[in-house]
C-alpha atoms as a PDB file:
ATOM      1  CA  MET A   1       1.955 -12.000 -43.773  1.00  0.00           C
ATOM      2  CA  LYS A   2      -0.239  -8.952 -43.208  1.00  0.00           C
ATOM      3  CA  VAL A   3       0.499  -5.568 -41.627  1.00  0.00           C
ATOM      4  CA  ARG A   4      -2.079  -4.039 -39.301  1.00  0.00           C
ATOM      5  CA  VAL A   5      -2.130  -0.670 -37.487  1.00  0.00           C
ATOM      6  CA  LEU A   6      -3.280  -0.983 -33.866  1.00  0.00           C
ATOM      7  CA  PRO A   7      -3.273   1.165 -30.725  1.00  0.00           C
ATOM      8  CA  VAL A   8      -0.016   0.621 -28.873  1.00  0.00           C
ATOM      9  CA  GLU A   9      -1.721  -1.047 -25.869  1.00  0.00           C
ATOM     10  CA  HIS A  10      -3.262  -3.658 -28.170  1.00  0.00           C
ATOM     11  CA  CYS A  11       0.101  -4.741 -29.589  1.00  0.00           C
ATOM     12  CA  LEU A  12       1.451  -6.810 -26.695  1.00  0.00           C
ATOM     13  CA  GLY A  13       3.029 -10.072 -27.865  1.00  0.00           C
ATOM     14  CA  MET A  14       2.966  -8.969 -31.500  1.00  0.00           C
ATOM     15  CA  PRO A  15       5.919  -8.322 -33.851  1.00  0.00           C
ATOM     16  CA  LEU A  16       6.657  -4.875 -35.260  1.00  0.00           C
ATOM     17  CA  SER A  17       6.548  -4.562 -39.041  1.00  0.00           C
ATOM     18  CA  HIS A  18       9.456  -2.079 -39.221  1.00  0.00           C
ATOM     19  CA  ASP A  19      12.213  -0.369 -37.177  1.00  0.00           C
ATOM     20  CA  LEU A  20      11.196   2.452 -34.819  1.00  0.00           C
ATOM     21  CA  THR A  21      13.764   5.253 -34.635  1.00  0.00           C
ATOM     22  CA  GLN A  22      14.508   7.065 -31.399  1.00  0.00           C
ATOM     23  CA  ILE A  23      16.108  10.528 -31.219  1.00  0.00           C
ATOM     24  CA  VAL A  24      17.656  11.800 -27.971  1.00  0.00           C
ATOM     25  CA  PRO A  25      18.603  15.476 -28.494  1.00  0.00           C
ATOM     26  CA  ALA A  26      20.600  15.744 -25.250  1.00  0.00           C
ATOM     27  CA  SER A  27      23.049  13.029 -26.309  1.00  0.00           C
ATOM     28  CA  GLY A  28      22.719  13.370 -30.047  1.00  0.00           C
ATOM     29  CA  TYR A  29      21.647   9.725 -30.295  1.00  0.00           C
ATOM     30  CA  LYS A  30      19.622   8.638 -33.281  1.00  0.00           C
ATOM     31  CA  GLY A  31      19.005   5.000 -34.061  1.00  0.00           C
ATOM     32  CA  ALA A  32      16.606   2.089 -34.193  1.00  0.00           C
ATOM     33  CA  ARG A  33      15.389   1.687 -30.618  1.00  0.00           C
ATOM     34  CA  PHE A  34      12.940  -1.036 -31.632  1.00  0.00           C
ATOM     35  CA  LYS A  35      13.738  -3.406 -34.474  1.00  0.00           C
ATOM     36  CA  LYS A  36      11.578  -4.828 -37.202  1.00  0.00           C
ATOM     37  CA  GLY A  37      10.091  -8.078 -35.976  1.00  0.00           C
ATOM     38  CA  GLN A  38      10.700  -7.273 -32.311  1.00  0.00           C
ATOM     39  CA  ILE A  39       7.924  -8.517 -30.019  1.00  0.00           C
ATOM     40  CA  VAL A  40       6.169  -5.762 -28.088  1.00  0.00           C
ATOM     41  CA  ARG A  41       6.312  -6.312 -24.307  1.00  0.00           C
ATOM     42  CA  GLU A  42       4.468  -4.691 -21.404  1.00  0.00           C
ATOM     43  CA  GLU A  43       7.648  -2.972 -20.232  1.00  0.00           C
ATOM     44  CA  ASP A  44       8.105  -1.413 -23.707  1.00  0.00           C
ATOM     45  CA  LEU A  45       4.873   0.597 -23.560  1.00  0.00           C
ATOM     46  CA  PRO A  46       6.136   3.591 -21.513  1.00  0.00           C
ATOM     47  CA  GLU A  47       9.113   4.105 -23.810  1.00  0.00           C
ATOM     48  CA  LEU A  48       7.006   3.730 -26.941  1.00  0.00           C
ATOM     49  CA  ARG A  49       4.630   6.397 -25.667  1.00  0.00           C
ATOM     50  CA  ALA A  50       7.596   8.593 -24.711  1.00  0.00           C
ATOM     51  CA  MET A  51       8.700   8.309 -28.325  1.00  0.00           C
ATOM     52  CA  GLY A  52       5.293   9.630 -29.356  1.00  0.00           C
ATOM     53  CA  ARG A  53       3.976   6.269 -30.555  1.00  0.00           C
ATOM     54  CA  GLU A  54       0.246   5.868 -29.992  1.00  0.00           C
ATOM     55  CA  HIS A  55      -0.230   3.360 -32.840  1.00  0.00           C
ATOM     56  CA  LEU A  56       2.073   0.658 -34.187  1.00  0.00           C
ATOM     57  CA  SER A  57       2.296  -1.273 -37.431  1.00  0.00           C
ATOM     58  CA  ILE A  58       2.091  -4.927 -36.463  1.00  0.00           C
ATOM     59  CA  LEU A  59       3.138  -7.965 -38.447  1.00  0.00           C
ATOM     60  CA  ASP A  60       0.291 -10.460 -38.608  1.00  0.00           C
ATOM     61  CA  LEU A  61       1.628 -13.975 -39.211  1.00  0.00           C
ATOM     62  CA  GLU A  62      -0.355 -16.757 -40.830  1.00  0.00           C
ATOM     63  CA  PRO A  63      -0.921 -19.901 -38.727  1.00  0.00           C
ATOM     64  CA  ASP A  64       1.797 -21.803 -40.618  1.00  0.00           C
ATOM     65  CA  GLU A  65       4.365 -18.968 -40.459  1.00  0.00           C
ATOM     66  CA  VAL A  66       7.255 -18.716 -37.979  1.00  0.00           C
ATOM     67  CA  HIS A  67       8.810 -15.419 -36.975  1.00  0.00           C
ATOM     68  CA  GLU A  68      12.470 -15.011 -37.989  1.00  0.00           C
ATOM     69  CA  ASP A  69      13.758 -15.011 -34.393  1.00  0.00           C
ATOM     70  CA  ASP A  70      11.793 -18.120 -33.472  1.00  0.00           C
ATOM     71  CA  ALA A  71      12.991 -19.917 -36.598  1.00  0.00           C
ATOM     72  CA  ALA A  72      16.613 -18.913 -35.983  1.00  0.00           C
ATOM     73  CA  ILE A  73      16.670 -20.066 -32.361  1.00  0.00           C
ATOM     74  CA  ARG A  74      15.107 -23.400 -33.272  1.00  0.00           C
ATOM     75  CA  LEU A  75      17.774 -24.181 -35.850  1.00  0.00           C
ATOM     76  CA  ALA A  76      20.600 -22.842 -33.684  1.00  0.00           C
ATOM     77  CA  GLY A  77      19.461 -25.122 -30.878  1.00  0.00           C
ATOM     78  CA  ARG A  78      19.868 -28.137 -33.152  1.00  0.00           C
ATOM     79  CA  LEU A  79      23.339 -26.980 -34.221  1.00  0.00           C
ATOM     80  CA  ARG A  80      24.636 -26.290 -30.733  1.00  0.00           C
ATOM     81  CA  GLY A  81      26.928 -29.068 -29.523  1.00  0.00           C
ATOM     82  CA  THR A  82      28.957 -29.336 -26.328  1.00  0.00           C
ATOM     83  CA  GLU A  83      31.406 -26.534 -25.496  1.00  0.00           C
ATOM     84  CA  LEU A  84      29.452 -24.078 -27.670  1.00  0.00           C
ATOM     85  CA  ARG A  85      27.600 -20.947 -26.537  1.00  0.00           C
ATOM     86  CA  LEU A  86      24.514 -19.713 -28.368  1.00  0.00           C
ATOM     87  CA  ASP A  87      24.086 -15.970 -28.907  1.00  0.00           C
ATOM     88  CA  GLY A  88      20.854 -14.491 -30.242  1.00  0.00           C
ATOM     89  CA  PRO A  89      18.360 -14.333 -31.701  1.00  0.00           C
ATOM     90  CA  ASP A  90      18.617 -10.802 -33.051  1.00  0.00           C
ATOM     91  CA  GLU A  91      16.749  -9.863 -36.223  1.00  0.00           C
ATOM     92  CA  GLY A  92      16.713 -13.492 -37.310  1.00  0.00           C
ATOM     93  CA  ARG A  93      20.406 -14.007 -36.505  1.00  0.00           C
ATOM     94  CA  CYS A  94      22.077 -16.481 -34.168  1.00  0.00           C
ATOM     95  CA  ALA A  95      25.717 -17.401 -33.621  1.00  0.00           C
ATOM     96  CA  LEU A  96      27.655 -20.195 -31.915  1.00  0.00           C
ATOM     97  CA  HIS A  97      30.863 -19.407 -30.016  1.00  0.00           C
ATOM     98  CA  ALA A  98      33.449 -21.794 -28.615  1.00  0.00           C
ATOM     99  CA  THR A  99      33.676 -21.982 -24.832  1.00  0.00           C
ATOM    100  CA  ALA A 100      37.036 -23.805 -24.889  1.00  0.00           C
ATOM    101  CA  GLU A 101      40.097 -24.150 -27.083  1.00  0.00           C
ATOM    102  CA  GLY A 102      39.672 -27.192 -29.270  1.00  0.00           C
ATOM    103  CA  LEU A 103      39.002 -28.696 -32.675  1.00  0.00           C
ATOM    104  CA  LEU A 104      35.737 -28.048 -34.500  1.00  0.00           C
ATOM    105  CA  ALA A 105      34.452 -31.204 -36.189  1.00  0.00           C
ATOM    106  CA  PHE A 106      31.285 -31.807 -38.206  1.00  0.00           C
ATOM    107  CA  ASP A 107      29.960 -33.216 -41.477  1.00  0.00           C
ATOM    108  CA  PRO A 108      29.772 -30.263 -43.907  1.00  0.00           C
ATOM    109  CA  THR A 109      27.210 -31.885 -46.182  1.00  0.00           C
ATOM    110  CA  PHE A 110      24.268 -30.943 -43.954  1.00  0.00           C
ATOM    111  CA  VAL A 111      25.293 -27.267 -44.147  1.00  0.00           C
ATOM    112  CA  ASP A 112      24.988 -27.350 -47.938  1.00  0.00           C
ATOM    113  CA  ALA A 113      21.627 -29.093 -47.648  1.00  0.00           C
ATOM    114  CA  ILE A 114      20.207 -26.416 -45.328  1.00  0.00           C
ATOM    115  CA  ASN A 115      21.498 -23.654 -47.611  1.00  0.00           C
ATOM    116  CA  ASP A 116      19.607 -25.215 -50.529  1.00  0.00           C
ATOM    117  CA  ASP A 117      16.632 -23.297 -49.108  1.00  0.00           C
ATOM    118  CA  PRO A 118      17.436 -19.670 -50.049  1.00  0.00           C
ATOM    119  CA  ASP A 119      15.547 -18.337 -47.025  1.00  0.00           C
ATOM    120  CA  TRP A 120      18.265 -19.766 -44.747  1.00  0.00           C
ATOM    121  CA  ILE A 121      21.847 -18.550 -44.449  1.00  0.00           C
ATOM    122  CA  LEU A 122      24.191 -20.842 -42.513  1.00  0.00           C
ATOM    123  CA  ALA A 123      27.953 -20.236 -42.475  1.00  0.00           C
ATOM    124  CA  THR A 124      30.589 -22.111 -40.477  1.00  0.00           C
ATOM    125  CA  LEU A 125      34.324 -22.346 -40.074  1.00  0.00           C
ATOM    126  CA  PRO A 126      35.841 -25.236 -42.080  1.00  0.00           C
ATOM    127  CA  PRO A 127      35.661 -28.686 -40.482  1.00  0.00           C
ATOM    128  CA  LEU A 128      38.681 -29.651 -38.356  1.00  0.00           C
ATOM    129  CA  THR A 129      39.570 -26.035 -37.620  1.00  0.00           C
ATOM    130  CA  PRO A 130      41.355 -25.370 -34.311  1.00  0.00           C
ATOM    131  CA  VAL A 131      39.574 -22.555 -32.498  1.00  0.00           C
ATOM    132  CA  ARG A 132      40.131 -20.325 -29.483  1.00  0.00           C
ATOM    133  CA  SER A 133      37.724 -19.956 -26.589  1.00  0.00           C
ATOM    134  CA  GLY A 134      35.198 -17.256 -27.462  1.00  0.00           C
ATOM    135  CA  GLU A 135      35.731 -17.574 -31.209  1.00  0.00           C
ATOM    136  CA  ARG A 136      32.641 -17.621 -33.420  1.00  0.00           C
ATOM    137  CA  VAL A 137      32.406 -20.987 -35.171  1.00  0.00           C
ATOM    138  CA  ALA A 138      29.019 -20.693 -36.918  1.00  0.00           C
ATOM    139  CA  ALA A 139      26.393 -18.071 -37.691  1.00  0.00           C
ATOM    140  CA  LEU A 140      22.956 -18.247 -39.236  1.00  0.00           C
ATOM    141  CA  ARG A 141      20.146 -15.940 -40.198  1.00  0.00           C
ATOM    142  CA  VAL A 142      16.670 -16.085 -41.662  1.00  0.00           C
ATOM    143  CA  LEU A 143      16.379 -13.746 -44.641  1.00  0.00           C
ATOM    144  CA  PRO A 144      12.620 -12.964 -44.650  1.00  0.00           C
ATOM    145  CA  LEU A 145      10.740 -11.684 -41.624  1.00  0.00           C
ATOM    146  CA  ALA A 146       8.932 -15.012 -41.400  1.00  0.00           C
ATOM    147  CA  VAL A 147       9.257 -18.482 -42.929  1.00  0.00           C
ATOM    148  CA  ARG A 148       6.871 -21.388 -43.230  1.00  0.00           C
ATOM    149  CA  GLU A 149       6.770 -24.007 -40.490  1.00  0.00           C
ATOM    150  CA  ILE A 150       7.611 -26.696 -43.050  1.00  0.00           C
ATOM    151  CA  GLN A 151      10.847 -24.830 -43.878  1.00  0.00           C
ATOM    152  CA  VAL A 152      11.861 -24.775 -40.236  1.00  0.00           C
ATOM    153  CA  GLN A 153      11.068 -28.455 -39.796  1.00  0.00           C
ATOM    154  CA  ARG A 154      13.121 -29.315 -42.885  1.00  0.00           C
ATOM    155  CA  ALA A 155      16.155 -27.398 -41.579  1.00  0.00           C
ATOM    156  CA  GLU A 156      15.808 -28.966 -38.119  1.00  0.00           C
ATOM    157  CA  ALA A 157      15.680 -32.451 -39.640  1.00  0.00           C
ATOM    158  CA  LEU A 158      18.860 -31.828 -41.644  1.00  0.00           C
ATOM    159  CA  ALA A 159      20.853 -30.153 -38.862  1.00  0.00           C
ATOM    160  CA  LYS A 160      23.468 -31.982 -36.818  1.00  0.00           C
ATOM    161  CA  PRO A 161      25.281 -30.612 -33.761  1.00  0.00           C
ATOM    162  CA  LEU A 162      28.648 -29.023 -34.391  1.00  0.00           C
ATOM    163  CA  ALA A 163      31.135 -30.806 -32.161  1.00  0.00           C
ATOM    164  CA  LEU A 164      33.926 -28.942 -30.384  1.00  0.00           C
ATOM    165  CA  HIS A 165      36.542 -31.307 -29.010  1.00  0.00           C
ATOM    166  CA  PRO A 166      38.586 -29.525 -26.313  1.00  0.00           C
ATOM    167  CA  PHE A 167      42.332 -30.014 -26.508  1.00  0.00           C
ATOM    168  CA  LEU A 168      43.737 -32.502 -24.026  1.00  0.00           C
ATOM    169  CA  PRO A 169      46.783 -31.628 -21.867  1.00  0.00           C
ATOM    170  CA  LEU A 170      48.941 -34.416 -23.295  1.00  0.00           C
ATOM    171  CA  SER A 171      52.400 -35.234 -21.959  1.00  0.00           C
ATOM    172  CA  VAL A 172      54.875 -35.384 -24.832  1.00  0.00           C
ATOM    173  CA  GLY A 173      58.274 -37.047 -25.098  1.00  0.00           C
ATOM    174  CA  LEU A 174      60.658 -35.796 -27.795  1.00  0.00           C
ATOM    175  CA  VAL A 175      63.153 -38.145 -29.432  1.00  0.00           C
ATOM    176  CA  THR A 176      65.572 -36.284 -31.703  1.00  0.00           C
ATOM    177  CA  THR A 177      67.519 -38.586 -33.984  1.00  0.00           C
ATOM    178  CA  GLY A 178      70.780 -38.064 -35.798  1.00  0.00           C
ATOM    179  CA  GLU A 179      74.435 -38.624 -35.039  1.00  0.00           C
ATOM    180  CA  GLU A 180      75.124 -34.983 -35.866  1.00  0.00           C
ATOM    181  CA  PHE A 181      72.981 -33.905 -32.905  1.00  0.00           C
ATOM    182  CA  ARG A 182      74.317 -36.465 -30.451  1.00  0.00           C
ATOM    183  CA  SER A 183      77.924 -35.575 -31.309  1.00  0.00           C
ATOM    184  CA  GLY A 184      77.218 -31.873 -30.939  1.00  0.00           C
ATOM    185  CA  LYS A 185      78.230 -31.039 -34.520  1.00  0.00           C
ATOM    186  CA  ASN A 186      74.776 -29.530 -35.119  1.00  0.00           C
ATOM    187  CA  LYS A 187      72.650 -27.624 -32.629  1.00  0.00           C
ATOM    188  CA  ASP A 188      69.188 -29.049 -32.139  1.00  0.00           C
ATOM    189  CA  ALA A 189      66.351 -26.746 -33.195  1.00  0.00           C
ATOM    190  CA  PHE A 190      63.499 -29.239 -32.868  1.00  0.00           C
ATOM    191  CA  LEU A 191      62.934 -28.733 -29.129  1.00  0.00           C
ATOM    192  CA  PRO A 192      62.099 -24.982 -29.117  1.00  0.00           C
ATOM    193  CA  ARG A 193      59.860 -25.324 -32.183  1.00  0.00           C
ATOM    194  CA  LEU A 194      57.925 -28.277 -30.763  1.00  0.00           C
ATOM    195  CA  GLU A 195      57.733 -26.819 -27.249  1.00  0.00           C
ATOM    196  CA  ARG A 196      55.881 -23.865 -28.721  1.00  0.00           C
ATOM    197  CA  LYS A 197      53.496 -26.056 -30.711  1.00  0.00           C
ATOM    198  CA  VAL A 198      52.756 -28.386 -27.792  1.00  0.00           C
ATOM    199  CA  ALA A 199      52.205 -25.483 -25.386  1.00  0.00           C
ATOM    200  CA  ALA A 200      49.594 -24.012 -27.751  1.00  0.00           C
ATOM    201  CA  TYR A 201      47.419 -27.071 -27.075  1.00  0.00           C
ATOM    202  CA  GLY A 202      47.955 -26.930 -23.318  1.00  0.00           C
ATOM    203  CA  GLY A 203      50.338 -29.900 -23.408  1.00  0.00           C
ATOM    204  CA  ARG A 204      53.802 -30.217 -21.922  1.00  0.00           C
ATOM    205  CA  ILE A 205      57.143 -31.637 -22.997  1.00  0.00           C
ATOM    206  CA  LEU A 206      58.306 -34.333 -20.568  1.00  0.00           C
ATOM    207  CA  GLY A 207      61.831 -34.102 -21.884  1.00  0.00           C
ATOM    208  CA  GLN A 208      64.067 -34.697 -24.879  1.00  0.00           C
ATOM    209  CA  ARG A 209      66.276 -37.667 -25.666  1.00  0.00           C
ATOM    210  CA  ILE A 210      68.844 -37.385 -28.434  1.00  0.00           C
ATOM    211  CA  ALA A 211      69.618 -40.657 -30.182  1.00  0.00           C
ATOM    212  CA  GLY A 212      72.100 -41.507 -32.919  1.00  0.00           C
ATOM    213  CA  ASP A 213      71.402 -43.380 -36.137  1.00  0.00           C
ATOM    214  CA  ARG A 214      71.077 -46.878 -34.652  1.00  0.00           C
ATOM    215  CA  MET A 215      67.570 -48.352 -34.688  1.00  0.00           C
ATOM    216  CA  GLU A 216      67.805 -49.937 -31.248  1.00  0.00           C
ATOM    217  CA  GLU A 217      69.061 -46.714 -29.697  1.00  0.00           C
ATOM    218  CA  ILE A 218      66.043 -44.822 -31.076  1.00  0.00           C
ATOM    219  CA  ALA A 219      63.683 -47.598 -29.930  1.00  0.00           C
ATOM    220  CA  ASP A 220      65.166 -47.485 -26.408  1.00  0.00           C
ATOM    221  CA  ALA A 221      64.560 -43.737 -26.259  1.00  0.00           C
ATOM    222  CA  ILE A 222      60.920 -44.288 -27.241  1.00  0.00           C
ATOM    223  CA  ARG A 223      60.518 -47.014 -24.609  1.00  0.00           C
ATOM    224  CA  ALA A 224      61.936 -44.715 -21.938  1.00  0.00           C
ATOM    225  CA  PHE A 225      59.177 -42.199 -22.601  1.00  0.00           C
ATOM    226  CA  LEU A 226      56.553 -44.955 -22.613  1.00  0.00           C
ATOM    227  CA  GLU A 227      57.738 -45.962 -19.141  1.00  0.00           C
ATOM    228  CA  ALA A 228      57.593 -42.304 -18.076  1.00  0.00           C
ATOM    229  CA  GLY A 229      53.884 -42.199 -18.964  1.00  0.00           C
ATOM    230  CA  ALA A 230      54.002 -40.107 -22.139  1.00  0.00           C
ATOM    231  CA  ASN A 231      50.728 -39.782 -24.034  1.00  0.00           C
ATOM    232  CA  LEU A 232      52.580 -38.895 -27.211  1.00  0.00           C
ATOM    233  CA  VAL A 233      56.151 -39.537 -28.383  1.00  0.00           C
ATOM    234  CA  LEU A 234      57.453 -37.348 -31.205  1.00  0.00           C
ATOM    235  CA  CYS A 235      60.403 -38.705 -33.117  1.00  0.00           C
ATOM    236  CA  THR A 236      62.033 -36.026 -35.255  1.00  0.00           C
ATOM    237  CA  GLY A 237      64.381 -36.633 -38.159  1.00  0.00           C
ATOM    238  CA  GLY A 238      65.554 -39.790 -39.861  1.00  0.00           C
ATOM    239  CA  MET A 239      62.276 -40.273 -41.727  1.00  0.00           C
ATOM    240  CA  SER A 240      63.490 -40.328 -45.349  1.00  0.00           C
ATOM    241  CA  VAL A 241      64.510 -43.320 -47.465  1.00  0.00           C
ATOM    242  CA  ASP A 242      68.244 -42.733 -46.921  1.00  0.00           C
ATOM    243  CA  ALA A 243      70.211 -45.723 -45.664  1.00  0.00           C
ATOM    244  CA  ASP A 244      70.981 -43.984 -42.346  1.00  0.00           C
ATOM    245  CA  ASP A 245      67.375 -42.979 -41.718  1.00  0.00           C
ATOM    246  CA  VAL A 246      66.068 -45.759 -39.491  1.00  0.00           C
ATOM    247  CA  THR A 247      63.486 -43.907 -37.398  1.00  0.00           C
ATOM    248  CA  PRO A 248      60.485 -45.586 -39.104  1.00  0.00           C
ATOM    249  CA  GLY A 249      61.961 -49.005 -38.364  1.00  0.00           C
ATOM    250  CA  ALA A 250      62.550 -48.064 -34.735  1.00  0.00           C
ATOM    251  CA  ILE A 251      58.928 -46.895 -34.378  1.00  0.00           C
ATOM    252  CA  ARG A 252      57.657 -50.133 -35.958  1.00  0.00           C
ATOM    253  CA  SER A 253      59.748 -52.216 -33.559  1.00  0.00           C
ATOM    254  CA  VAL A 254      58.072 -50.600 -30.551  1.00  0.00           C
ATOM    255  CA  ALA A 255      54.561 -50.100 -31.931  1.00  0.00           C
ATOM    256  CA  GLU A 256      51.634 -52.489 -31.682  1.00  0.00           C
ATOM    257  CA  THR A 257      49.849 -50.888 -34.643  1.00  0.00           C
ATOM    258  CA  VAL A 258      50.934 -48.617 -37.484  1.00  0.00           C
ATOM    259  CA  VAL A 259      48.145 -46.302 -38.674  1.00  0.00           C
ATOM    260  CA  PHE A 260      49.978 -44.814 -41.653  1.00  0.00           C
ATOM    261  CA  ARG A 261      53.312 -43.827 -43.070  1.00  0.00           C
ATOM    262  CA  GLY A 262      53.251 -41.114 -45.720  1.00  0.00           C
ATOM    263  CA  VAL A 263      50.582 -38.433 -46.243  1.00  0.00           C
ATOM    264  CA  PRO A 264      49.483 -36.396 -49.303  1.00  0.00           C
ATOM    265  CA  VAL A 265      50.640 -33.137 -47.687  1.00  0.00           C
ATOM    266  CA  LEU A 266      53.602 -30.939 -48.607  1.00  0.00           C
ATOM    267  CA  PRO A 267      55.807 -30.237 -46.762  1.00  0.00           C
ATOM    268  CA  GLY A 268      55.885 -33.275 -44.501  1.00  0.00           C
ATOM    269  CA  SER A 269      54.860 -36.158 -46.730  1.00  0.00           C
ATOM    270  CA  MET A 270      56.999 -38.706 -44.803  1.00  0.00           C
ATOM    271  CA  LEU A 271      54.886 -38.314 -41.640  1.00  0.00           C
ATOM    272  CA  MET A 272      54.167 -41.516 -39.699  1.00  0.00           C
ATOM    273  CA  LEU A 273      51.672 -42.454 -36.961  1.00  0.00           C
ATOM    274  CA  ALA A 274      51.706 -45.606 -34.853  1.00  0.00           C
ATOM    275  CA  PHE A 275      50.515 -46.669 -31.397  1.00  0.00           C
ATOM    276  CA  ALA A 276      52.058 -48.536 -28.482  1.00  0.00           C
ATOM    277  CA  GLY A 277      49.025 -49.200 -26.309  1.00  0.00           C
ATOM    278  CA  LYS A 278      47.272 -45.833 -26.004  1.00  0.00           C
ATOM    279  CA  THR A 279      50.430 -43.818 -26.617  1.00  0.00           C
ATOM    280  CA  ALA A 280      50.746 -42.223 -30.038  1.00  0.00           C
ATOM    281  CA  LEU A 281      54.138 -42.545 -31.731  1.00  0.00           C
ATOM    282  CA  VAL A 282      54.743 -39.935 -34.408  1.00  0.00           C
ATOM    283  CA  GLY A 283      57.602 -39.878 -36.894  1.00  0.00           C
ATOM    284  CA  ALA A 284      58.035 -36.252 -37.964  1.00  0.00           C
ATOM    285  CA  PRO A 285      60.242 -35.416 -40.963  1.00  0.00           C
ATOM    286  CA  ALA A 286      63.035 -32.838 -40.741  1.00  0.00           C
ATOM    287  CA  CYS A 287      60.968 -30.137 -42.482  1.00  0.00           C
ATOM    288  CA  VAL A 288      59.222 -29.592 -39.133  1.00  0.00           C
ATOM    289  CA  VAL A 289      62.214 -27.597 -37.919  1.00  0.00           C
ATOM    290  CA  HIS A 290      62.344 -25.070 -40.756  1.00  0.00           C
ATOM    291  CA  ASP A 291      58.744 -24.851 -42.080  1.00  0.00           C
ATOM    292  CA  GLU A 292      56.092 -23.143 -39.964  1.00  0.00           C
ATOM    293  CA  ARG A 293      53.275 -25.320 -41.278  1.00  0.00           C
ATOM    294  CA  THR A 294      53.779 -28.987 -42.199  1.00  0.00           C
ATOM    295  CA  ALA A 295      51.841 -32.251 -42.216  1.00  0.00           C
ATOM    296  CA  LEU A 296      52.594 -32.540 -38.504  1.00  0.00           C
ATOM    297  CA  ASP A 297      50.230 -29.663 -37.625  1.00  0.00           C
ATOM    298  CA  PRO A 298      46.896 -31.187 -38.733  1.00  0.00           C
ATOM    299  CA  LEU A 299      47.967 -34.435 -37.100  1.00  0.00           C
ATOM    300  CA  LEU A 300      48.696 -32.689 -33.796  1.00  0.00           C
ATOM    301  CA  ASP A 301      45.314 -30.942 -34.065  1.00  0.00           C
ATOM    302  CA  ARG A 302      43.643 -34.345 -34.228  1.00  0.00           C
ATOM    303  CA  LEU A 303      45.718 -36.087 -31.556  1.00  0.00           C
ATOM    304  CA  PHE A 304      45.356 -33.315 -28.959  1.00  0.00           C
ATOM    305  CA  ALA A 305      41.595 -33.285 -29.625  1.00  0.00           C
ATOM    306  CA  GLY A 306      41.408 -37.048 -29.110  1.00  0.00           C
ATOM    307  CA  LEU A 307      40.369 -37.671 -32.734  1.00  0.00           C
ATOM    308  CA  VAL A 308      42.801 -40.196 -34.193  1.00  0.00           C
ATOM    309  CA  PRO A 309      42.642 -40.073 -38.000  1.00  0.00           C
ATOM    310  CA  THR A 310      42.282 -43.304 -39.948  1.00  0.00           C
ATOM    311  CA  GLU A 311      44.480 -44.084 -42.926  1.00  0.00           C
ATOM    312  CA  LYS A 312      41.453 -43.527 -45.199  1.00  0.00           C
ATOM    313  CA  GLU A 313      40.926 -40.060 -43.751  1.00  0.00           C
ATOM    314  CA  VAL A 314      44.589 -39.185 -44.182  1.00  0.00           C
ATOM    315  CA  ARG A 315      44.489 -40.151 -47.866  1.00  0.00           C
ATOM    316  CA  ALA A 316      41.893 -37.370 -48.314  1.00  0.00           C
ATOM    317  CA  TRP A 317      44.238 -34.679 -46.992  1.00  0.00           C
ATOM    318  CA  GLY A 318      45.581 -33.915 -50.466  1.00  0.00           C
ATOM    319  CA  VAL A 319      42.982 -31.257 -51.299  1.00  0.00           C
ATOM    320  CA  GLY A 320      44.220 -28.289 -49.290  1.00  0.00           C
ATOM    321  CA  GLY A 321      47.372 -30.170 -48.334  1.00  0.00           C
ATOM    322  CA  LEU A 322      49.764 -28.003 -50.346  1.00  0.00           C
ATOM    323  CA  CYS A 323      51.256 -25.220 -48.229  1.00  0.00           C
ATOM    324  CA  ARG A 324      51.325 -21.825 -49.945  1.00  0.00           C
ATOM    325  CA  SER A 325      54.478 -20.850 -48.003  1.00  0.00           C
ATOM    326  CA  CYS A 326      52.844 -17.644 -46.778  1.00  0.00           C
ATOM    327  CA  SER A 327      54.988 -15.271 -44.765  1.00  0.00           C
ATOM    328  CA  PRO A 328      53.685 -14.819 -42.172  1.00  0.00           C
ATOM    329  CA  CYS A 329      51.747 -18.059 -42.237  1.00  0.00           C
ATOM    330  CA  THR A 330      48.113 -17.302 -43.140  1.00  0.00           C
ATOM    331  CA  TYR A 331      46.884 -20.838 -43.864  1.00  0.00           C
ATOM    332  CA  PRO A 332      43.210 -20.700 -42.800  1.00  0.00           C
ATOM    333  CA  ARG A 333      43.391 -23.871 -40.736  1.00  0.00           C
ATOM    334  CA  CYS A 334      46.430 -22.773 -38.712  1.00  0.00           C
ATOM    335  CA  GLY A 335      43.995 -21.552 -36.065  1.00  0.00           C
ATOM    336  CA  PHE A 336      46.467 -20.338 -33.468  1.00  0.00           C
ATOM    337  CA  THR A 337      48.791 -17.723 -34.933  1.00  0.00           C
ATOM    338  CA  ARG A 338      51.022 -18.113 -31.891  1.00  0.00           C
ATOM    339  CA  ARG A 339      52.144 -21.445 -33.256  1.00  0.00           C
END
């Protein structure tokens, strides 16, 4: 890179080598009206002259050099997946924002590979983070004023689009198990908790059926929701190894496939996922009613985003799967505090 001083009218299409400060006495404004690296345009000339600028210091790039803004927009374009808005470039910075509520999914290894070049800075939210519409999910910048073309090509080759999977408005049936609930001895608290969670995804509760501790009774309640067209049936309680806890057996009797039972997450390790056709059947342990964050939450994130986890994926949930019991809940992957 070289810096040249040229008459202002000869600087069109060229990048400035430093910020140009503007002072407006009437308003008291003082700040950088033109930024380092900004390309001089025809419409900028009157204001530059009004600022007393007759000559400008211009950045002279080598043939194999790429201006920071051009480099940033090229990489950001490769990173931008569906349902993401690109903002920038501005001084070598770009950002991606969600245009819908959904689950952010991507392979984090390419981010590390791009950051191996110290001239690039790429930061993202963690994979499988639920995000709000408008939330920033990734940001990048180029540190120097210009980088080599080969550096840009390397980053472009490594980059993969970040995928935002919008949440689906699933219809959910709730089967609450336990003789103590059916008899009225205990008041059910599952429904209000799960209504709130389901509503956060844009889903709706079709209804609740309270079953006792007989396997066939629980299975019949599940079948009733299948006939009603539920996309997801949540069975709460009766998931432990106690003799009276027969919910897993009831789910197995209705299901065509069982994806997993048991996850390396605490609380909620007895979680179960199965399918009857395209309808997900979830066995949620009793901790769901008294713990704000349990193993059920990352599973709901995946199901409402249409990303069914495999058993192999679930076995990798152990790292980060221990709840810190924050009050209020501040677990970074909670996403929606309203849950």
